PDB file of N, CA and C in Angstrom:
ATOM      1  N   MET A   1      55.843  78.512  72.001  1.00  0.00           N
ATOM      2  CA  MET A   1      57.235  78.740  72.297  1.00  0.00           C
ATOM      3  C   MET A   1      58.095  77.655  71.664  1.00  0.00           C
ATOM      4  N   GLY A   2      57.579  76.449  71.619  1.00  0.00           N
ATOM      5  CA  GLY A   2      58.329  75.344  71.039  1.00  0.00           C
ATOM      6  C   GLY A   2      58.575  75.562  69.548  1.00  0.00           C
ATOM      7  N   GLY A   3      57.613  76.174  68.854  1.00  0.00           N
ATOM      8  CA  GLY A   3      57.766  76.433  67.431  1.00  0.00           C
ATOM      9  C   GLY A   3      58.864  77.458  67.169  1.00  0.00           C
ATOM     10  N   TYR A   4      58.979  78.424  68.073  1.00  0.00           N
ATOM     11  CA  TYR A   4      60.006  79.446  67.928  1.00  0.00           C
ATOM     12  C   TYR A   4      61.389  78.840  68.088  1.00  0.00           C
ATOM     13  N   LEU A   5      61.553  77.937  69.062  1.00  0.00           N
ATOM     14  CA  LEU A   5      62.848  77.296  69.275  1.00  0.00           C
ATOM     15  C   LEU A   5      63.238  76.426  68.086  1.00  0.00           C
ATOM     16  N   LYS A   6      62.267  75.723  67.507  1.00  0.00           N
ATOM     17  CA  LYS A   6      62.558  74.893  66.323  1.00  0.00           C
ATOM     18  C   LYS A   6      62.977  75.773  65.145  1.00  0.00           C
ATOM     19  N   MET A   7      62.304  76.917  65.018  1.00  0.00           N
ATOM     20  CA  MET A   7      62.641  77.808  63.919  1.00  0.00           C
ATOM     21  C   MET A   7      64.067  78.356  64.105  1.00  0.00           C
ATOM     22  N   MET A   8      64.419  78.749  65.325  1.00  0.00           N
ATOM     23  CA  MET A   8      65.765  79.268  65.589  1.00  0.00           C
ATOM     24  C   MET A   8      66.814  78.190  65.377  1.00  0.00           C
ATOM     25  N   GLU A   9      66.507  76.971  65.756  1.00  0.00           N
ATOM     26  CA  GLU A   9      67.455  75.863  65.583  1.00  0.00           C
ATOM     27  C   GLU A   9      67.713  75.610  64.108  1.00  0.00           C
ATOM     28  N   THR A  10      66.698  75.642  63.300  1.00  0.00           N
ATOM     29  CA  THR A  10      66.895  75.419  61.868  1.00  0.00           C
ATOM     30  C   THR A  10      67.642  76.595  61.240  1.00  0.00           C
ATOM     31  N   TYR A  11      67.359  77.808  61.727  1.00  0.00           N
ATOM     32  CA  TYR A  11      68.040  78.977  61.195  1.00  0.00           C
ATOM     33  C   TYR A  11      69.527  78.968  61.559  1.00  0.00           C
ATOM     34  N   LEU A  12      69.842  78.607  62.797  1.00  0.00           N
ATOM     35  CA  LEU A  12      71.247  78.563  63.233  1.00  0.00           C
ATOM     36  C   LEU A  12      72.005  77.435  62.538  1.00  0.00           C
ATOM     37  N   SER A  13      71.337  76.363  62.222  1.00  0.00           N
ATOM     38  CA  SER A  13      72.038  75.252  61.555  1.00  0.00           C
ATOM     39  C   SER A  13      72.375  75.598  60.106  1.00  0.00           C
ATOM     40  N   THR A  14      71.701  76.579  59.534  1.00  0.00           N
ATOM     41  CA  THR A  14      71.979  76.953  58.150  1.00  0.00           C
ATOM     42  C   THR A  14      73.040  78.053  58.040  1.00  0.00           C
ATOM     43  N   LEU A  15      73.553  78.554  59.172  1.00  0.00           N
ATOM     44  CA  LEU A  15      74.587  79.593  59.122  1.00  0.00           C
ATOM     45  C   LEU A  15      75.891  79.014  58.576  1.00  0.00           C
ATOM     46  N   PRO A  16      76.636  79.821  57.784  1.00  0.00           N
ATOM     47  CA  PRO A  16      77.917  79.342  57.269  1.00  0.00           C
ATOM     48  C   PRO A  16      78.968  79.280  58.387  1.00  0.00           C
ATOM     49  N   ALA A  17      80.063  78.621  58.112  1.00  0.00           N
ATOM     50  CA  ALA A  17      81.112  78.400  59.110  1.00  0.00           C
ATOM     51  C   ALA A  17      81.787  79.715  59.503  1.00  0.00           C
ATOM     52  N   TRP A  18      81.957  80.665  58.573  1.00  0.00           N
ATOM     53  CA  TRP A  18      82.612  81.926  58.909  1.00  0.00           C
ATOM     54  C   TRP A  18      81.802  82.734  59.921  1.00  0.00           C
ATOM     55  N   ALA A  19      80.477  82.601  59.893  1.00  0.00           N
ATOM     56  CA  ALA A  19      79.637  83.309  60.859  1.00  0.00           C
ATOM     57  C   ALA A  19      79.846  82.729  62.255  1.00  0.00           C
ATOM     58  N   TRP A  20      79.955  81.407  62.353  1.00  0.00           N
ATOM     59  CA  TRP A  20      80.209  80.780  63.651  1.00  0.00           C
ATOM     60  C   TRP A  20      81.578  81.214  64.200  1.00  0.00           C
ATOM     61  N   ILE A  21      82.561  81.281  63.319  1.00  0.00           N
ATOM     62  CA  ILE A  21      83.903  81.695  63.751  1.00  0.00           C
ATOM     63  C   ILE A  21      83.880  83.157  64.206  1.00  0.00           C
ATOM     64  N   ALA A  22      83.195  84.023  63.469  1.00  0.00           N
ATOM     65  CA  ALA A  22      83.127  85.444  63.826  1.00  0.00           C
ATOM     66  C   ALA A  22      82.427  85.638  65.167  1.00  0.00           C
ATOM     67  N   VAL A  23      81.319  84.942  65.378  1.00  0.00           N
ATOM     68  CA  VAL A  23      80.586  85.058  66.644  1.00  0.00           C
ATOM     69  C   VAL A  23      81.434  84.527  67.789  1.00  0.00           C
ATOM     70  N   SER A  24      82.125  83.411  67.568  1.00  0.00           N
ATOM     71  CA  SER A  24      82.976  82.832  68.610  1.00  0.00           C
ATOM     72  C   SER A  24      84.111  83.783  68.972  1.00  0.00           C
ATOM     73  N   LEU A  25      84.747  84.403  67.970  1.00  0.00           N
ATOM     74  CA  LEU A  25      85.817  85.356  68.240  1.00  0.00           C
ATOM     75  C   LEU A  25      85.302  86.582  69.001  1.00  0.00           C
ATOM     76  N   MET A  26      84.132  87.059  68.620  1.00  0.00           N
ATOM     77  CA  MET A  26      83.568  88.211  69.301  1.00  0.00           C
ATOM     78  C   MET A  26      83.280  87.883  70.771  1.00  0.00           C
ATOM     79  N   ILE A  27      82.719  86.719  71.023  1.00  0.00           N
ATOM     80  CA  ILE A  27      82.447  86.313  72.409  1.00  0.00           C
ATOM     81  C   ILE A  27      83.747  86.183  73.192  1.00  0.00           C
ATOM     82  N   PHE A  28      84.796  85.647  72.569  1.00  0.00           N
ATOM     83  CA  PHE A  28      86.094  85.511  73.237  1.00  0.00           C
ATOM     84  C   PHE A  28      86.689  86.878  73.578  1.00  0.00           C
ATOM     85  N   VAL A  29      86.628  87.825  72.647  1.00  0.00           N
ATOM     86  CA  VAL A  29      87.171  89.163  72.880  1.00  0.00           C
ATOM     87  C   VAL A  29      86.410  89.865  74.000  1.00  0.00           C
ATOM     88  N   VAL A  30      85.093  89.751  74.003  1.00  0.00           N
ATOM     89  CA  VAL A  30      84.290  90.382  75.056  1.00  0.00           C
ATOM     90  C   VAL A  30      84.608  89.755  76.411  1.00  0.00           C
ATOM     91  N   ALA A  31      84.765  88.441  76.460  1.00  0.00           N
ATOM     92  CA  ALA A  31      85.079  87.760  77.726  1.00  0.00           C
ATOM     93  C   ALA A  31      86.473  88.162  78.226  1.00  0.00           C
ATOM     94  N   ALA A  32      87.456  88.213  77.336  1.00  0.00           N
ATOM     95  CA  ALA A  32      88.814  88.592  77.741  1.00  0.00           C
ATOM     96  C   ALA A  32      88.843  90.046  78.229  1.00  0.00           C
ATOM     97  N   THR A  33      88.144  90.925  77.536  1.00  0.00           N
ATOM     98  CA  THR A  33      88.083  92.322  77.949  1.00  0.00           C
ATOM     99  C   THR A  33      87.381  92.452  79.297  1.00  0.00           C
ATOM    100  N   TRP A  34      86.324  91.701  79.476  1.00  0.00           N
ATOM    101  CA  TRP A  34      85.566  91.731  80.731  1.00  0.00           C
ATOM    102  C   TRP A  34      86.446  91.304  81.909  1.00  0.00           C
ATOM    103  N   LEU A  35      87.334  90.348  81.674  1.00  0.00           N
ATOM    104  CA  LEU A  35      88.215  89.869  82.742  1.00  0.00           C
ATOM    105  C   LEU A  35      89.416  90.790  82.967  1.00  0.00           C
ATOM    106  N   LEU A  36      90.001  91.368  81.909  1.00  0.00           N
ATOM    107  CA  LEU A  36      91.229  92.148  82.032  1.00  0.00           C
ATOM    108  C   LEU A  36      91.007  93.626  82.333  1.00  0.00           C
ATOM    109  N   LEU A  37      89.848  94.157  82.042  1.00  0.00           N
ATOM    110  CA  LEU A  37      89.595  95.588  82.235  1.00  0.00           C
ATOM    111  C   LEU A  37      89.777  96.044  83.682  1.00  0.00           C
ATOM    112  N   PRO A  38      89.287  95.346  84.686  1.00  0.00           N
ATOM    113  CA  PRO A  38      89.513  95.824  86.064  1.00  0.00           C
ATOM    114  C   PRO A  38      90.998  95.928  86.419  1.00  0.00           C
ATOM    115  N   PHE A  39      91.825  95.018  85.936  1.00  0.00           N
ATOM    116  CA  PHE A  39      93.255  95.085  86.231  1.00  0.00           C
ATOM    117  C   PHE A  39      93.898  96.296  85.557  1.00  0.00           C
ATOM    118  N   ALA A  40      93.427  96.664  84.402  1.00  0.00           N
ATOM    119  CA  ALA A  40      93.963  97.833  83.704  1.00  0.00           C
ATOM    120  C   ALA A  40      93.571  99.117  84.430  1.00  0.00           C
ATOM    121  N   VAL A  41      92.379  99.162  85.001  1.00  0.00           N
ATOM    122  CA  VAL A  41      91.915 100.354  85.696  1.00  0.00           C
ATOM    123  C   VAL A  41      92.685 100.556  86.996  1.00  0.00           C
ATOM    124  N   PHE A  42      93.032  99.481  87.704  1.00  0.00           N
ATOM    125  CA  PHE A  42      93.723  99.609  88.983  1.00  0.00           C
ATOM    126  C   PHE A  42      95.112 100.219  88.819  1.00  0.00           C
ATOM    127  N   GLY A  43      95.779 100.027  87.712  1.00  0.00           N
ATOM    128  CA  GLY A  43      97.127 100.540  87.514  1.00  0.00           C
ATOM    129  C   GLY A  43      97.193 101.978  87.051  1.00  0.00           C
ATOM    130  N   THR A  44      96.052 102.610  86.793  1.00  0.00           N
ATOM    131  CA  THR A  44      96.074 103.950  86.214  1.00  0.00           C
ATOM    132  C   THR A  44      96.068 105.063  87.249  1.00  0.00           C
ATOM    133  N   LYS A  45      95.827 104.766  88.514  1.00  0.00           N
ATOM    134  CA  LYS A  45      95.710 105.826  89.520  1.00  0.00           C
ATOM    135  C   LYS A  45      97.016 106.608  89.669  1.00  0.00           C
ATOM    136  N   SER A  46      98.135 105.923  89.748  1.00  0.00           N
ATOM    137  CA  SER A  46      99.417 106.626  89.891  1.00  0.00           C
ATOM    138  C   SER A  46      99.763 107.406  88.626  1.00  0.00           C
ATOM    139  N   VAL A  47      99.416 106.851  87.488  1.00  0.00           N
ATOM    140  CA  VAL A  47      99.679 107.549  86.227  1.00  0.00           C
ATOM    141  C   VAL A  47      98.847 108.831  86.143  1.00  0.00           C
ATOM    142  N   LEU A  48      97.597 108.745  86.565  1.00  0.00           N
ATOM    143  CA  LEU A  48      96.742 109.938  86.541  1.00  0.00           C
ATOM    144  C   LEU A  48      97.247 111.005  87.497  1.00  0.00           C
ATOM    145  N   ARG A  49      97.745 110.607  88.674  1.00  0.00           N
ATOM    146  CA  ARG A  49      98.317 111.586  89.605  1.00  0.00           C
ATOM    147  C   ARG A  49      99.526 112.279  88.991  1.00  0.00           C
ATOM    148  N   GLU A  50     100.365 111.517  88.322  1.00  0.00           N
ATOM    149  CA  GLU A  50     101.550 112.101  87.675  1.00  0.00           C
ATOM    150  C   GLU A  50     101.145 113.076  86.574  1.00  0.00           C
ATOM    151  N   ILE A  51     100.146 112.712  85.806  1.00  0.00           N
ATOM    152  CA  ILE A  51      99.666 113.587  84.738  1.00  0.00           C
ATOM    153  C   ILE A  51      99.114 114.884  85.324  1.00  0.00           C
ATOM    154  N   LEU A  52      98.355 114.794  86.415  1.00  0.00           N
ATOM    155  CA  LEU A  52      97.815 115.997  87.048  1.00  0.00           C
ATOM    156  C   LEU A  52      98.929 116.882  87.596  1.00  0.00           C
ATOM    157  N   HIS A  53      99.956 116.272  88.171  1.00  0.00           N
ATOM    158  CA  HIS A  53     101.091 117.047  88.683  1.00  0.00           C
ATOM    159  C   HIS A  53     101.804 117.786  87.551  1.00  0.00           C
ATOM    160  N   LYS A  54     102.035 117.092  86.435  1.00  0.00           N
ATOM    161  CA  LYS A  54     102.686 117.733  85.283  1.00  0.00           C
ATOM    162  C   LYS A  54     101.810 118.836  84.703  1.00  0.00           C
ATOM    163  N   GLN A  55     100.501 118.614  84.700  1.00  0.00           N
ATOM    164  CA  GLN A  55      99.584 119.614  84.167  1.00  0.00           C
ATOM    165  C   GLN A  55      99.619 120.884  85.023  1.00  0.00           C
ATOM    166  N   LYS A  56      99.677 120.740  86.348  1.00  0.00           N
ATOM    167  CA  LYS A  56      99.773 121.909  87.226  1.00  0.00           C
ATOM    168  C   LYS A  56     101.084 122.643  86.988  1.00  0.00           C
ATOM    169  N   TYR A  57     102.173 121.907  86.796  1.00  0.00           N
ATOM    170  CA  TYR A  57     103.474 122.525  86.530  1.00  0.00           C
ATOM    171  C   TYR A  57     103.441 123.310  85.221  1.00  0.00           C
ATOM    172  N   ILE A  58     102.862 122.711  84.192  1.00  0.00           N
ATOM    173  CA  ILE A  58     102.774 123.376  82.890  1.00  0.00           C
ATOM    174  C   ILE A  58     101.896 124.621  82.993  1.00  0.00           C
ATOM    175  N   LEU A  59     100.808 124.545  83.747  1.00  0.00           N
ATOM    176  CA  LEU A  59      99.935 125.699  83.919  1.00  0.00           C
ATOM    177  C   LEU A  59     100.675 126.837  84.615  1.00  0.00           C
ATOM    178  N   GLN A  60     101.480 126.507  85.624  1.00  0.00           N
ATOM    179  CA  GLN A  60     102.270 127.538  86.314  1.00  0.00           C
ATOM    180  C   GLN A  60     103.278 128.182  85.358  1.00  0.00           C
ATOM    181  N   GLU A  61     103.929 127.362  84.539  1.00  0.00           N
ATOM    182  CA  GLU A  61     104.885 127.894  83.560  1.00  0.00           C
ATOM    183  C   GLU A  61     104.185 128.806  82.552  1.00  0.00           C
ATOM    184  N   LEU A  62     102.987 128.423  82.127  1.00  0.00           N
ATOM    185  CA  LEU A  62     102.241 129.262  81.183  1.00  0.00           C
ATOM    186  C   LEU A  62     101.853 130.596  81.814  1.00  0.00           C
ATOM    187  N   LYS A  63     101.505 130.578  83.109  1.00  0.00           N
ATOM    188  CA  LYS A  63     101.194 131.840  83.784  1.00  0.00           C
ATOM    189  C   LYS A  63     102.417 132.741  83.825  1.00  0.00           C
ATOM    190  N   GLU A  64     103.579 132.166  84.114  1.00  0.00           N
ATOM    191  CA  GLU A  64     104.799 132.967  84.143  1.00  0.00           C
ATOM    192  C   GLU A  64     105.141 133.515  82.759  1.00  0.00           C
ATOM    193  N   LEU A  65     104.939 132.712  81.732  1.00  0.00           N
ATOM    194  CA  LEU A  65     105.183 133.196  80.366  1.00  0.00           C
ATOM    195  C   LEU A  65     104.223 134.323  80.008  1.00  0.00           C
ATOM    196  N   ARG A  66     102.993 134.200  80.470  1.00  0.00           N
ATOM    197  CA  ARG A  66     102.013 135.252  80.203  1.00  0.00           C
ATOM    198  C   ARG A  66     102.451 136.553  80.868  1.00  0.00           C
ATOM    199  N   LEU A  67     102.935 136.469  82.101  1.00  0.00           N
ATOM    200  CA  LEU A  67     103.420 137.679  82.775  1.00  0.00           C
ATOM    201  C   LEU A  67     104.616 138.268  82.043  1.00  0.00           C
ATOM    202  N   ASP A  68     105.528 137.400  81.594  1.00  0.00           N
ATOM    203  CA  ASP A  68     106.678 137.894  80.827  1.00  0.00           C
ATOM    204  C   ASP A  68     106.221 138.567  79.538  1.00  0.00           C
ATOM    205  N   GLN A  69     105.229 137.971  78.900  1.00  0.00           N
ATOM    206  CA  GLN A  69     104.714 138.551  77.668  1.00  0.00           C
ATOM    207  C   GLN A  69     104.090 139.917  77.935  1.00  0.00           C
ATOM    208  N   GLN A  70     103.371 140.048  79.047  1.00  0.00           N
ATOM    209  CA  GLN A  70     102.779 141.336  79.385  1.00  0.00           C
ATOM    210  C   GLN A  70     103.854 142.374  79.658  1.00  0.00           C
ATOM    211  N   ASP A  71     104.945 141.967  80.315  1.00  0.00           N
ATOM    212  CA  ASP A  71     106.049 142.896  80.557  1.00  0.00           C
ATOM    213  C   ASP A  71     106.674 143.365  79.248  1.00  0.00           C
ATOM    214  N   ILE A  72     106.860 142.433  78.321  1.00  0.00           N
ATOM    215  CA  ILE A  72     107.457 142.777  77.030  1.00  0.00           C
ATOM    216  C   ILE A  72     106.535 143.725  76.259  1.00  0.00           C
ATOM    217  N   LEU A  73     105.233 143.436  76.258  1.00  0.00           N
ATOM    218  CA  LEU A  73     104.293 144.321  75.563  1.00  0.00           C
ATOM    219  C   LEU A  73     104.274 145.708  76.187  1.00  0.00           C
ATOM    220  N   TYR A  74     104.365 145.769  77.517  1.00  0.00           N
ATOM    221  CA  TYR A  74     104.414 147.071  78.185  1.00  0.00           C
ATOM    222  C   TYR A  74     105.649 147.843  77.748  1.00  0.00           C
ATOM    223  N   GLU A  75     106.794 147.180  77.702  1.00  0.00           N
ATOM    224  CA  GLU A  75     108.030 147.850  77.294  1.00  0.00           C
ATOM    225  C   GLU A  75     107.954 148.295  75.837  1.00  0.00           C
ATOM    226  N   LEU A  76     107.372 147.461  74.977  1.00  0.00           N
ATOM    227  CA  LEU A  76     107.233 147.851  73.567  1.00  0.00           C
ATOM    228  C   LEU A  76     106.349 149.077  73.419  1.00  0.00           C
ATOM    229  N   ARG A  77     105.244 149.115  74.170  1.00  0.00           N
ATOM    230  CA  ARG A  77     104.375 150.295  74.098  1.00  0.00           C
ATOM    231  C   ARG A  77     105.096 151.530  74.616  1.00  0.00           C
ATOM    232  N   ARG A  78     105.857 151.341  75.693  1.00  0.00           N
ATOM    233  CA  ARG A  78     106.589 152.466  76.263  1.00  0.00           C
ATOM    234  C   ARG A  78     107.643 152.966  75.280  1.00  0.00           C
ATOM    235  N   LEU A  79     108.337 152.053  74.610  1.00  0.00           N
ATOM    236  CA  LEU A  79     109.360 152.455  73.647  1.00  0.00           C
ATOM    237  C   LEU A  79     108.747 153.075  72.397  1.00  0.00           C
ATOM    238  N   ARG A  80     107.562 152.657  72.038  1.00  0.00           N
ATOM    239  CA  ARG A  80     106.912 153.212  70.861  1.00  0.00           C
ATOM    240  C   ARG A  80     106.520 154.673  71.100  1.00  0.00           C
ATOM    241  N   ASN A  81     106.243 155.024  72.349  1.00  0.00           N
ATOM    242  CA  ASN A  81     105.811 156.384  72.673  1.00  0.00           C
ATOM    243  C   ASN A  81     106.956 157.296  73.069  1.00  0.00           C
ATOM    244  N   VAL A  82     108.188 156.893  72.834  1.00  0.00           N
ATOM    245  CA  VAL A  82     109.347 157.725  73.168  1.00  0.00           C
ATOM    246  C   VAL A  82     109.379 158.917  72.228  1.00  0.00           C
ATOM    247  N   GLN A  83     109.612 160.096  72.798  1.00  0.00           N
ATOM    248  CA  GLN A  83     109.679 161.296  71.969  1.00  0.00           C
ATOM    249  C   GLN A  83     111.087 161.448  71.421  1.00  0.00           C
ATOM    250  N   LEU A  84     111.154 161.738  70.157  1.00  0.00           N
ATOM    251  CA  LEU A  84     112.444 161.919  69.521  1.00  0.00           C
ATOM    252  C   LEU A  84     113.021 163.277  69.898  1.00  0.00           C
ATOM    253  N   LEU A  85     114.328 163.309  70.152  1.00  0.00           N
ATOM    254  CA  LEU A  85     114.998 164.551  70.528  1.00  0.00           C
ATOM    255  C   LEU A  85     115.485 165.275  69.280  1.00  0.00           C
ATOM    256  N   SER A  86     115.508 166.574  69.358  1.00  0.00           N
ATOM    257  CA  SER A  86     116.024 167.359  68.235  1.00  0.00           C
ATOM    258  C   SER A  86     117.546 167.277  68.220  1.00  0.00           C
ATOM    259  N   ASP A  87     118.163 167.726  67.120  1.00  0.00           N
ATOM    260  CA  ASP A  87     119.620 167.684  66.996  1.00  0.00           C
ATOM    261  C   ASP A  87     120.287 168.532  68.085  1.00  0.00           C
ATOM    262  N   GLU A  88     119.688 169.661  68.394  1.00  0.00           N
ATOM    263  CA  GLU A  88     120.264 170.533  69.422  1.00  0.00           C
ATOM    264  C   GLU A  88     120.262 169.836  70.785  1.00  0.00           C
ATOM    265  N   GLN A  89     119.189 169.170  71.099  1.00  0.00           N
ATOM    266  CA  GLN A  89     119.118 168.455  72.369  1.00  0.00           C
ATOM    267  C   GLN A  89     120.108 167.288  72.395  1.00  0.00           C
ATOM    268  N   LEU A  90     120.285 166.608  71.259  1.00  0.00           N
ATOM    269  CA  LEU A  90     121.247 165.510  71.199  1.00  0.00           C
ATOM    270  C   LEU A  90     122.659 166.019  71.436  1.00  0.00           C
ATOM    271  N   ARG A  91     123.027 167.156  70.798  1.00  0.00           N
ATOM    272  CA  ARG A  91     124.364 167.711  71.001  1.00  0.00           C
ATOM    273  C   ARG A  91     124.576 168.116  72.455  1.00  0.00           C
ATOM    274  N   ARG A  92     123.573 168.698  73.055  1.00  0.00           N
ATOM    275  CA  ARG A  92     123.665 169.114  74.447  1.00  0.00           C
ATOM    276  C   ARG A  92     123.835 167.880  75.352  1.00  0.00           C
ATOM    277  N   ASP A  93     123.117 166.779  75.051  1.00  0.00           N
ATOM    278  CA  ASP A  93     123.251 165.541  75.834  1.00  0.00           C
ATOM    279  C   ASP A  93     124.633 164.927  75.646  1.00  0.00           C
ATOM    280  N   GLU A  94     125.182 165.001  74.413  1.00  0.00           N
ATOM    281  CA  GLU A  94     126.529 164.476  74.179  1.00  0.00           C
ATOM    282  C   GLU A  94     127.564 165.274  74.957  1.00  0.00           C
ATOM    283  N   GLN A  95     127.432 166.598  74.950  1.00  0.00           N
ATOM    284  CA  GLN A  95     128.361 167.432  75.715  1.00  0.00           C
ATOM    285  C   GLN A  95     128.235 167.144  77.210  1.00  0.00           C
ATOM    286  N   GLN A  96     127.012 166.934  77.645  1.00  0.00           N
ATOM    287  CA  GLN A  96     126.781 166.634  79.048  1.00  0.00           C
ATOM    288  C   GLN A  96     127.367 165.267  79.407  1.00  0.00           C
ATOM    289  N   ALA A  97     127.330 164.313  78.494  1.00  0.00           N
ATOM    290  CA  ALA A  97     127.875 162.982  78.754  1.00  0.00           C
ATOM    291  C   ALA A  97     129.391 163.023  78.874  1.00  0.00           C
ATOM    292  N   LEU A  98     130.041 164.008  78.225  1.00  0.00           N
ATOM    293  CA  LEU A  98     131.497 164.107  78.299  1.00  0.00           C
ATOM    294  C   LEU A  98     131.972 164.739  79.608  1.00  0.00           C
ATOM    295  N   ARG A  99     131.107 165.396  80.338  1.00  0.00           N
ATOM    296  CA  ARG A  99     131.491 166.020  81.590  1.00  0.00           C
ATOM    297  C   ARG A  99     131.656 164.965  82.678  1.00  0.00           C
ATOM    298  N   GLU A 100     132.144 165.400  83.781  1.00  0.00           N
ATOM    299  CA  GLU A 100     132.261 164.508  84.937  1.00  0.00           C
ATOM    300  C   GLU A 100     130.860 164.120  85.418  1.00  0.00           C
ATOM    301  N   PRO A 101     130.708 162.950  85.976  1.00  0.00           N
ATOM    302  CA  PRO A 101     129.372 162.550  86.437  1.00  0.00           C
ATOM    303  C   PRO A 101     128.786 163.496  87.468  1.00  0.00           C
ATOM    304  N   SER A 102     129.613 164.121  88.298  1.00  0.00           N
ATOM    305  CA  SER A 102     129.072 165.023  89.317  1.00  0.00           C
ATOM    306  C   SER A 102     128.559 166.324  88.704  1.00  0.00           C
ATOM    307  N   ASP A 103     129.030 166.674  87.484  1.00  0.00           N
ATOM    308  CA  ASP A 103     128.605 167.913  86.830  1.00  0.00           C
ATOM    309  C   ASP A 103     127.324 167.733  86.008  1.00  0.00           C
ATOM    310  N   ARG A 104     126.935 166.522  85.752  1.00  0.00           N
ATOM    311  CA  ARG A 104     125.766 166.287  84.897  1.00  0.00           C
ATOM    312  C   ARG A 104     124.478 166.615  85.641  1.00  0.00           C
ATOM    313  N   ASN A 105     123.544 167.205  84.916  1.00  0.00           N
ATOM    314  CA  ASN A 105     122.218 167.348  85.518  1.00  0.00           C
ATOM    315  C   ASN A 105     121.311 166.314  84.842  1.00  0.00           C
ATOM    316  N   SER A 106     120.478 165.741  85.631  1.00  0.00           N
ATOM    317  CA  SER A 106     119.671 164.653  85.092  1.00  0.00           C
ATOM    318  C   SER A 106     118.405 165.217  84.473  1.00  0.00           C
ATOM    319  N   THR A 107     118.394 165.280  83.150  1.00  0.00           N
ATOM    320  CA  THR A 107     117.215 165.783  82.451  1.00  0.00           C
ATOM    321  C   THR A 107     116.395 164.640  81.872  1.00  0.00           C
ATOM    322  N   ARG A 108     116.992 163.474  81.783  1.00  0.00           N
ATOM    323  CA  ARG A 108     116.269 162.347  81.208  1.00  0.00           C
ATOM    324  C   ARG A 108     115.514 161.607  82.305  1.00  0.00           C
ATOM    325  N   PRO A 109     114.290 161.198  82.042  1.00  0.00           N
ATOM    326  CA  PRO A 109     113.534 160.462  83.064  1.00  0.00           C
ATOM    327  C   PRO A 109     114.159 159.084  83.287  1.00  0.00           C
ATOM    328  N   GLY A 110     114.106 158.648  84.519  1.00  0.00           N
ATOM    329  CA  GLY A 110     114.639 157.336  84.836  1.00  0.00           C
ATOM    330  C   GLY A 110     116.117 157.336  85.149  1.00  0.00           C
ATOM    331  N   HIS A 111     116.795 158.498  85.045  1.00  0.00           N
ATOM    332  CA  HIS A 111     118.237 158.601  85.343  1.00  0.00           C
ATOM    333  C   HIS A 111     118.421 159.686  86.398  1.00  0.00           C
ATOM    334  N   PRO A 112     118.175 159.344  87.630  1.00  0.00           N
ATOM    335  CA  PRO A 112     118.306 160.369  88.671  1.00  0.00           C
ATOM    336  C   PRO A 112     119.744 160.779  88.888  1.00  0.00           C
ATOM    337  N   ARG A 113     119.897 161.971  89.345  1.00  0.00           N
ATOM    338  CA  ARG A 113     121.238 162.489  89.615  1.00  0.00           C
ATOM    339  C   ARG A 113     121.792 161.829  90.883  1.00  0.00           C
ATOM    340  N   PRO A 114     123.053 161.367  90.824  1.00  0.00           N
ATOM    341  CA  PRO A 114     123.616 160.687  92.005  1.00  0.00           C
ATOM    342  C   PRO A 114     123.867 161.639  93.148  1.00  0.00           C
TER     343      PRO A 114
END
């Protein structure tokens, strides 16, 4: 064991100065991080709660947007399947629109007679 220590001592004494500086800086950084890390962790609990609250809010907004998007897609599909009226039917609807509201008969879906 004594021979190993002598060998390490001679090897360490032959290291250049920049290696000693690099090792010293690394040890200093590890020691500073080791001391400061617990203080950094203690301050994050409130920040994490705030982030979770905002994330839940954003998720709720995305659900509402998804529902709105589904409503819009439903309306687009419904409008795409609308049957076109012939010219005769259009003229009859125009004449019917000029009458008094009580005289109109409701032939169009979604427009019940009052």
